[in-house]
């Protein structure tokens, strides 16, 4: 099976929020979270990431699936909707695909650009409320964000050894030598435990050790969606209060 990469280098965004501002004083996250098993493994879908470098957009689709599966009726974006998001953000044009499968307009995307488009324009008629940058080296923040918001969107520099591990249905663990960097990849994290965390990539669950995560991850974001908040209490199932967040979101919309 062909697997495509497509995450560009981390791109600072002038409207990026910092998650650390909103989680001060919260209790420690639980030792284990495993929301990813709500969805059967075969139901995740490839979202054309076997042929196109749209991993940043496939990750958004998988996050939307996960969140809605826990709070109501699951929303499953179509491949056409995911590619539409990719085209809108990057200018990708499927009609320029050459006989060998290459496409000069398929050049990947920055995670922050995809998240901001998702916030302002939406995916499958669903917009997110906000997205916030996480200190990707801070595992407490990563776990807190998964617990509070259902998912964390991360970018990694994928080594060749990881591609082989995927082919062999193995977790991502550090291998030395690792074969070098094959390119950037974007994946969502949905669960974690003491040994590592769980992502979805190329249509299937993928485990990774915390050591592997810390070595290869280069950016991480909390994705805050109204689908994850109770409409009466304005809190997530885990009790996160958005009162402090609201003033910054107003400024964000007006900026």
Protein backbone atom coordinates (compact mmCIF):
# COMPACT_ATOMS: atom_id res chain seq x y z
CA UNK A 1 0.00 0.00 0.00
CA UNK A 2 1.26 3.47 -0.87
CA UNK A 3 1.37 5.98 1.98
CA UNK A 4 1.90 9.70 1.41
CA UNK A 5 3.35 12.34 3.69
CA UNK A 6 2.60 16.04 3.40
CA UNK A 7 3.09 18.06 6.58
CA UNK A 8 5.18 21.17 6.06
CA UNK A 9 7.46 22.67 8.71
CA UNK A 10 5.73 24.28 11.72
CA UNK A 11 4.34 27.67 10.67
CA UNK A 12 3.73 30.32 13.33
CA UNK A 13 0.30 31.91 13.14
CA UNK A 14 -0.47 35.43 14.44
CA UNK A 15 -3.78 34.30 15.96
CA UNK A 16 -2.52 31.15 17.63
CA UNK A 17 -3.67 30.74 21.23
CA UNK A 18 -1.49 29.08 23.89
CA UNK A 19 -3.15 26.20 25.71
CA UNK A 20 -1.11 26.81 28.86
CA UNK A 21 -3.17 29.96 29.49
CA UNK A 22 -6.36 27.94 29.99
CA UNK A 23 -5.30 24.85 31.90
CA UNK A 24 -3.57 26.41 34.92
CA UNK A 25 -4.86 24.95 38.17
CA UNK A 26 -6.74 22.05 36.61
CA UNK A 27 -6.37 18.62 38.23
CA UNK A 28 -3.94 16.17 36.68
CA UNK A 29 -5.33 14.22 33.72
CA UNK A 30 -6.31 10.59 34.31
CA UNK A 31 -3.66 7.93 33.96
CA UNK A 32 -5.33 6.43 30.88
CA UNK A 33 -7.70 7.62 28.14
CA UNK A 34 -8.86 5.39 25.29
CA UNK A 35 -11.63 7.13 23.37
CA UNK A 36 -10.28 5.95 20.00
CA UNK A 37 -11.90 2.52 20.40
CA UNK A 38 -15.36 4.01 20.02
CA UNK A 39 -14.85 3.73 16.23
CA UNK A 40 -14.08 0.37 14.56
CA UNK A 41 -10.58 0.30 13.12
CA UNK A 42 -11.84 -0.40 9.60
CA UNK A 43 -14.13 2.65 9.68
CA UNK A 44 -11.44 5.37 9.86
CA UNK A 45 -10.78 5.60 6.13
CA UNK A 46 -7.75 6.69 4.13
CA UNK A 47 -9.12 10.05 2.91
CA UNK A 48 -6.93 9.77 -0.22
CA UNK A 49 -3.73 9.92 1.86
CA UNK A 50 -2.46 6.90 -0.02
CA UNK A 51 -2.32 9.00 -3.22
CA UNK A 52 -2.23 12.63 -2.05
CA UNK A 53 -0.19 14.43 0.61
CA UNK A 54 -3.31 15.58 2.47
CA UNK A 55 -2.44 14.13 5.89
CA UNK A 56 -3.12 17.48 7.57
CA UNK A 57 -6.69 17.37 6.26
CA UNK A 58 -7.20 13.65 6.86
CA UNK A 59 -6.22 14.30 10.49
CA UNK A 60 -8.96 16.95 10.73
CA UNK A 61 -11.50 14.48 9.32
CA UNK A 62 -10.50 11.84 11.85
CA UNK A 63 -10.77 14.33 14.72
CA UNK A 64 -14.26 15.31 13.59
CA UNK A 65 -15.22 11.63 13.48
CA UNK A 66 -13.89 10.97 16.98
CA UNK A 67 -15.51 13.95 18.67
CA UNK A 68 -18.95 13.51 17.10
CA UNK A 69 -18.93 9.77 17.80
CA UNK A 70 -18.80 10.57 21.53
CA UNK A 71 -21.28 13.45 21.66
CA UNK A 72 -23.98 12.49 19.16
CA UNK A 73 -24.22 11.10 15.65
CA UNK A 74 -20.83 10.47 14.09
CA UNK A 75 -19.88 12.76 11.21
CA UNK A 76 -17.74 11.07 8.57
CA UNK A 77 -16.37 13.54 6.00
CA UNK A 78 -16.21 12.20 2.46
CA UNK A 79 -12.96 11.91 0.56
CA UNK A 80 -14.21 14.71 -1.70
CA UNK A 81 -14.73 16.98 1.32
CA UNK A 82 -11.25 16.22 2.67
CA UNK A 83 -9.67 16.90 -0.72
CA UNK A 84 -11.78 20.05 -0.99
CA UNK A 85 -10.25 21.28 2.27
CA UNK A 86 -6.77 20.43 0.97
CA UNK A 87 -7.41 22.25 -2.30
CA UNK A 88 -8.80 25.33 -0.55
CA UNK A 89 -5.78 25.61 1.75
CA UNK A 90 -3.01 24.73 -0.70
CA UNK A 91 -4.27 25.15 -4.26
CA UNK A 92 -4.07 21.43 -4.95
CA UNK A 93 -5.64 20.62 -8.33
CA UNK A 94 -6.48 16.95 -8.93
CA UNK A 95 -6.79 17.56 -12.67
CA UNK A 96 -3.04 18.12 -12.88
CA UNK A 97 -2.21 14.57 -11.79
CA UNK A 98 0.25 13.01 -14.25
CA UNK A 99 0.19 9.41 -15.54
CA UNK A 100 2.86 8.39 -13.01
CA UNK A 101 0.62 9.63 -10.17
CA UNK A 102 2.66 12.74 -9.36
CA UNK A 103 1.06 16.16 -9.22
CA UNK A 104 2.97 19.48 -9.23
CA UNK A 105 0.26 21.08 -7.06
CA UNK A 106 0.44 18.39 -4.36
CA UNK A 107 2.98 20.03 -2.05
CA UNK A 108 1.56 19.43 1.43
CA UNK A 109 0.24 21.93 3.96
CA UNK A 110 1.11 23.60 7.25
CA UNK A 111 -0.96 22.27 10.15
CA UNK A 112 -1.73 25.79 11.36
CA UNK A 113 -3.12 26.80 7.95
CA UNK A 114 -5.49 23.81 7.93
CA UNK A 115 -6.66 24.46 11.49
CA UNK A 116 -7.34 28.13 10.78
CA UNK A 117 -9.30 27.30 7.63
CA UNK A 118 -11.28 24.71 9.62
CA UNK A 119 -12.06 27.42 12.19
CA UNK A 120 -13.17 30.05 9.67
CA UNK A 121 -14.65 27.99 6.81
CA UNK A 122 -15.30 24.52 8.21
CA UNK A 123 -15.04 20.89 7.15
CA UNK A 124 -18.18 18.92 6.24
CA UNK A 125 -20.23 21.91 7.45
CA UNK A 126 -18.59 21.76 10.89
CA UNK A 127 -16.41 24.59 12.19
CA UNK A 128 -14.17 24.41 15.21
CA UNK A 129 -14.37 27.05 17.93
CA UNK A 130 -10.62 27.56 18.23
CA UNK A 131 -7.27 25.85 18.17
CA UNK A 132 -4.43 26.35 20.62
CA UNK A 133 -0.74 25.60 20.47
CA UNK A 134 0.61 23.11 23.01
CA UNK A 135 4.15 22.82 24.29
CA UNK A 136 4.71 19.57 22.43
CA UNK A 137 7.51 18.51 24.79
CA UNK A 138 5.22 18.78 27.81
CA UNK A 139 3.50 15.41 28.18
CA UNK A 140 1.20 16.68 30.93
CA UNK A 141 -0.17 19.30 28.54
CA UNK A 142 -0.57 16.70 25.78
CA UNK A 143 -2.48 14.36 28.09
CA UNK A 144 -4.52 17.22 29.50
CA UNK A 145 -5.55 18.33 26.00
CA UNK A 146 -6.55 14.81 24.93
CA UNK A 147 -8.60 14.43 28.12
CA UNK A 148 -10.23 17.86 27.88
CA UNK A 149 -10.90 18.14 24.14
CA UNK A 150 -10.95 14.58 22.82
CA UNK A 151 -8.01 14.91 20.44
CA UNK A 152 -4.65 16.56 19.85
CA UNK A 153 -3.35 17.35 16.36
CA UNK A 154 0.39 16.74 16.07
CA UNK A 155 3.11 16.94 13.45
CA UNK A 156 6.04 14.54 13.32
CA UNK A 157 9.19 14.11 11.27
CA UNK A 158 8.69 10.51 10.22
CA UNK A 159 11.80 8.31 10.03
CA UNK A 160 12.12 5.47 7.54
CA UNK A 161 11.98 2.99 10.41
CA UNK A 162 8.44 4.19 11.22
CA UNK A 163 7.26 3.47 7.68
CA UNK A 164 8.54 -0.09 8.02
CA UNK A 165 6.85 -0.45 11.40
CA UNK A 166 3.53 0.60 9.87
CA UNK A 167 3.91 -2.00 7.13
CA UNK A 168 4.61 -4.66 9.76
CA UNK A 169 1.70 -3.57 12.03
CA UNK A 170 4.14 -2.62 14.77
CA UNK A 171 4.02 0.33 17.18
CA UNK A 172 6.32 3.27 16.63
CA UNK A 173 9.34 2.69 18.83
CA UNK A 174 12.80 4.20 18.47
CA UNK A 175 15.10 2.21 16.19
CA UNK A 176 18.79 3.04 15.75
CA UNK A 177 19.73 3.79 13.07
CA UNK A 178 16.28 5.04 12.04
CA UNK A 179 17.00 5.39 8.31
CA UNK A 180 16.70 9.17 8.28
CA UNK A 181 13.78 11.54 7.89
CA UNK A 182 11.25 10.58 5.20
CA UNK A 183 9.24 13.79 5.65
CA UNK A 184 6.62 15.52 7.73
CA UNK A 185 3.38 13.82 8.73
CA UNK A 186 0.27 15.00 10.59
CA UNK A 187 -1.76 12.71 12.84
CA UNK A 188 -4.31 13.09 15.64
CA UNK A 189 -3.81 11.61 19.11
CA UNK A 190 -6.92 10.17 20.75
CA UNK A 191 -5.73 8.10 23.70
CA UNK A 192 -2.78 7.46 25.98
CA UNK A 193 -1.44 5.37 28.82
CA UNK A 194 1.76 5.06 30.81
CA UNK A 195 3.74 3.60 27.90
CA UNK A 196 2.60 5.81 25.04
CA UNK A 197 -0.19 7.29 22.98
CA UNK A 198 -2.52 6.24 20.17
CA UNK A 199 -2.95 7.98 16.84
CA UNK A 200 -4.82 7.32 13.63
CA UNK A 201 -2.88 7.34 10.39
CA UNK A 202 -3.50 5.94 6.94
CA UNK A 203 -6.89 4.63 8.00
CA UNK A 204 -5.81 2.65 11.07
CA UNK A 205 -4.87 3.00 14.71
CA UNK A 206 -1.15 3.44 15.32
CA UNK A 207 0.49 3.11 18.73
CA UNK A 208 3.67 5.00 19.61
CA UNK A 209 5.88 5.05 22.70
CA UNK A 210 6.34 8.29 24.59
CA UNK A 211 10.07 8.16 23.83
CA UNK A 212 9.29 7.96 20.10
CA UNK A 213 6.82 10.82 20.39
CA UNK A 214 9.31 13.06 22.18
CA UNK A 215 12.03 12.38 19.62
CA UNK A 216 10.03 12.95 16.43
CA UNK A 217 7.13 15.30 17.26
CA UNK A 218 7.77 18.95 16.34
CA UNK A 219 4.34 20.61 16.93
CA UNK A 220 1.04 19.96 18.69
CA UNK A 221 -2.35 21.68 18.91
CA UNK A 222 -5.52 21.35 20.93
CA UNK A 223 -8.62 21.53 18.74
CA UNK A 224 -11.61 23.06 20.51
CA UNK A 225 -14.93 22.30 18.88
CA UNK A 226 -18.49 23.19 19.95
CA UNK A 227 -19.44 19.56 19.32
CA UNK A 228 -17.45 18.68 22.46
CA UNK A 229 -19.18 21.17 24.80
CA UNK A 230 -22.45 20.67 26.63
CA UNK A 231 -24.79 23.38 25.33
CA UNK A 232 -26.17 24.14 28.81
CA UNK A 233 -23.10 24.04 31.05
CA UNK A 234 -20.59 25.07 28.36
CA UNK A 235 -18.24 22.46 29.73
CA UNK A 236 -16.67 19.42 28.15
CA UNK A 237 -17.49 15.92 29.46
CA UNK A 238 -14.32 16.25 31.55
CA UNK A 239 -15.48 19.55 33.11
CA UNK A 240 -13.35 22.15 31.29
CA UNK A 241 -14.83 25.65 31.69
CA UNK A 242 -14.50 28.06 28.73
CA UNK A 243 -15.16 31.29 30.66
CA UNK A 244 -11.53 32.41 30.47
CA UNK A 245 -11.29 31.34 26.86
CA UNK A 246 -14.31 33.34 25.71
CA UNK A 247 -12.74 36.81 25.75
CA UNK A 248 -9.80 35.64 23.67
CA UNK A 249 -12.14 34.01 21.16
CA UNK A 250 -14.02 37.30 20.78
CA UNK A 251 -10.74 39.09 20.10
CA UNK A 252 -9.76 36.36 17.66
CA UNK A 253 -12.96 36.81 15.62
CA UNK A 254 -12.62 40.59 15.58
CA UNK A 255 -8.93 40.59 14.64
